[in-house]
Amino acid sequence: MTGSDRAPAESTADPALGDVEAEFPRWHCWQGISGLYYASLRHSSPPVVVRGEHPADLRDSILRALGDL
């Protein structure tokens, strides 16, 4: 497999916050003043909020939360 055969989702680069938000459009993502990253599931009741130390960690937290729903 050459580099050109690799799908964009398989990139080894860490995602940016915008990438995470684009991958999960039902989630509102932001960086808090403490430097942690947060995401909340829009229009959920009760509210679902996850956090991570960096965007890749936030993405993993969203995936875990989706598995729990």
C-alpha atoms as a PDB file:
ATOM      1  CA  MET A   1       0.000   0.000   0.000  1.00  0.00           C
ATOM      2  CA  THR A   2       1.385   3.349  -0.977  1.00  0.00           C
ATOM      3  CA  GLY A   3       0.658   6.643   0.728  1.00  0.00           C
ATOM      4  CA  SER A   4      -1.752   7.579  -2.056  1.00  0.00           C
ATOM      5  CA  ASP A   5      -3.855   4.456  -1.311  1.00  0.00           C
ATOM      6  CA  ARG A   6      -4.464   5.576   2.249  1.00  0.00           C
ATOM      7  CA  ALA A   7      -7.899   7.006   3.044  1.00  0.00           C
ATOM      8  CA  PRO A   8      -7.961  10.494   4.635  1.00  0.00           C
ATOM      9  CA  ALA A   9      -9.602   9.079   7.803  1.00  0.00           C
ATOM     10  CA  GLU A  10      -6.536   6.899   8.315  1.00  0.00           C
ATOM     11  CA  SER A  11      -4.205   9.868   8.591  1.00  0.00           C
ATOM     12  CA  THR A  12      -1.661   9.629  11.394  1.00  0.00           C
ATOM     13  CA  ALA A  13      -1.991  13.358  12.150  1.00  0.00           C
ATOM     14  CA  ASP A  14      -3.966  14.308  15.236  1.00  0.00           C
ATOM     15  CA  PRO A  15      -7.327  15.885  14.412  1.00  0.00           C
ATOM     16  CA  ALA A  16      -8.007  19.557  15.025  1.00  0.00           C
ATOM     17  CA  LEU A  17     -11.086  20.604  16.983  1.00  0.00           C
ATOM     18  CA  GLY A  18     -12.833  21.552  13.727  1.00  0.00           C
ATOM     19  CA  ASP A  19     -12.179  18.053  12.366  1.00  0.00           C
ATOM     20  CA  VAL A  20     -13.855  16.488  15.410  1.00  0.00           C
ATOM     21  CA  GLU A  21     -16.830  18.840  15.095  1.00  0.00           C
ATOM     22  CA  ALA A  22     -17.159  18.014  11.372  1.00  0.00           C
ATOM     23  CA  GLU A  23     -17.051  14.281  12.117  1.00  0.00           C
ATOM     24  CA  PHE A  24     -19.779  14.598  14.772  1.00  0.00           C
ATOM     25  CA  PRO A  25     -22.172  17.353  13.589  1.00  0.00           C
ATOM     26  CA  ARG A  26     -24.701  16.676  16.386  1.00  0.00           C
ATOM     27  CA  TRP A  27     -22.045  17.641  18.947  1.00  0.00           C
ATOM     28  CA  HIS A  28     -21.052  21.192  19.930  1.00  0.00           C
ATOM     29  CA  CYS A  29     -17.288  21.293  20.591  1.00  0.00           C
ATOM     30  CA  TRP A  30     -15.221  23.993  22.283  1.00  0.00           C
ATOM     31  CA  GLN A  31     -12.020  24.613  24.224  1.00  0.00           C
ATOM     32  CA  GLY A  32     -12.529  25.786  27.791  1.00  0.00           C
ATOM     33  CA  ILE A  33     -10.462  28.442  29.522  1.00  0.00           C
ATOM     34  CA  SER A  34      -8.638  25.689  31.431  1.00  0.00           C
ATOM     35  CA  GLY A  35      -7.314  24.313  28.133  1.00  0.00           C
ATOM     36  CA  LEU A  36      -9.507  21.178  28.199  1.00  0.00           C
ATOM     37  CA  TYR A  37     -11.720  20.395  25.227  1.00  0.00           C
ATOM     38  CA  TYR A  38     -15.457  19.806  25.687  1.00  0.00           C
ATOM     39  CA  ALA A  39     -18.331  18.500  23.580  1.00  0.00           C
ATOM     40  CA  SER A  40     -22.035  18.411  24.304  1.00  0.00           C
ATOM     41  CA  LEU A  41     -24.685  16.469  22.430  1.00  0.00           C
ATOM     42  CA  ARG A  42     -27.132  19.004  21.018  1.00  0.00           C
ATOM     43  CA  HIS A  43     -30.758  18.793  22.220  1.00  0.00           C
ATOM     44  CA  SER A  44     -30.116  15.850  24.557  1.00  0.00           C
ATOM     45  CA  SER A  45     -32.095  15.342  27.732  1.00  0.00           C
ATOM     46  CA  PRO A  46     -30.493  14.806  30.131  1.00  0.00           C
ATOM     47  CA  PRO A  47     -27.472  16.761  28.845  1.00  0.00           C
ATOM     48  CA  VAL A  48     -24.545  14.675  27.606  1.00  0.00           C
ATOM     49  CA  VAL A  49     -21.157  16.377  27.994  1.00  0.00           C
ATOM     50  CA  VAL A  50     -17.705  14.841  27.537  1.00  0.00           C
ATOM     51  CA  ARG A  51     -14.189  16.242  27.789  1.00  0.00           C
ATOM     52  CA  GLY A  52     -10.648  15.504  26.692  1.00  0.00           C
ATOM     53  CA  GLU A  53      -7.142  16.884  27.032  1.00  0.00           C
ATOM     54  CA  HIS A  54      -6.739  17.316  23.256  1.00  0.00           C
ATOM     55  CA  PRO A  55      -9.013  16.958  20.202  1.00  0.00           C
ATOM     56  CA  ALA A  56      -8.082  13.300  19.607  1.00  0.00           C
ATOM     57  CA  ASP A  57      -8.928  12.505  23.228  1.00  0.00           C
ATOM     58  CA  LEU A  58     -12.219  14.402  22.850  1.00  0.00           C
ATOM     59  CA  ARG A  59     -13.025  12.324  19.757  1.00  0.00           C
ATOM     60  CA  ASP A  60     -12.447   9.135  21.760  1.00  0.00           C
ATOM     61  CA  SER A  61     -14.675  10.455  24.559  1.00  0.00           C
ATOM     62  CA  ILE A  62     -17.472  11.151  22.067  1.00  0.00           C
ATOM     63  CA  LEU A  63     -17.169   7.634  20.657  1.00  0.00           C
ATOM     64  CA  ARG A  64     -17.359   6.168  24.195  1.00  0.00           C
ATOM     65  CA  ALA A  65     -20.419   8.294  24.970  1.00  0.00           C
ATOM     66  CA  LEU A  66     -22.130   7.158  21.775  1.00  0.00           C
ATOM     67  CA  GLY A  67     -21.488   3.567  22.778  1.00  0.00           C
ATOM     68  CA  ASP A  68     -23.221   4.208  26.112  1.00  0.00           C
ATOM     69  CA  LEU A  69     -26.353   5.732  24.538  1.00  0.00           C
END
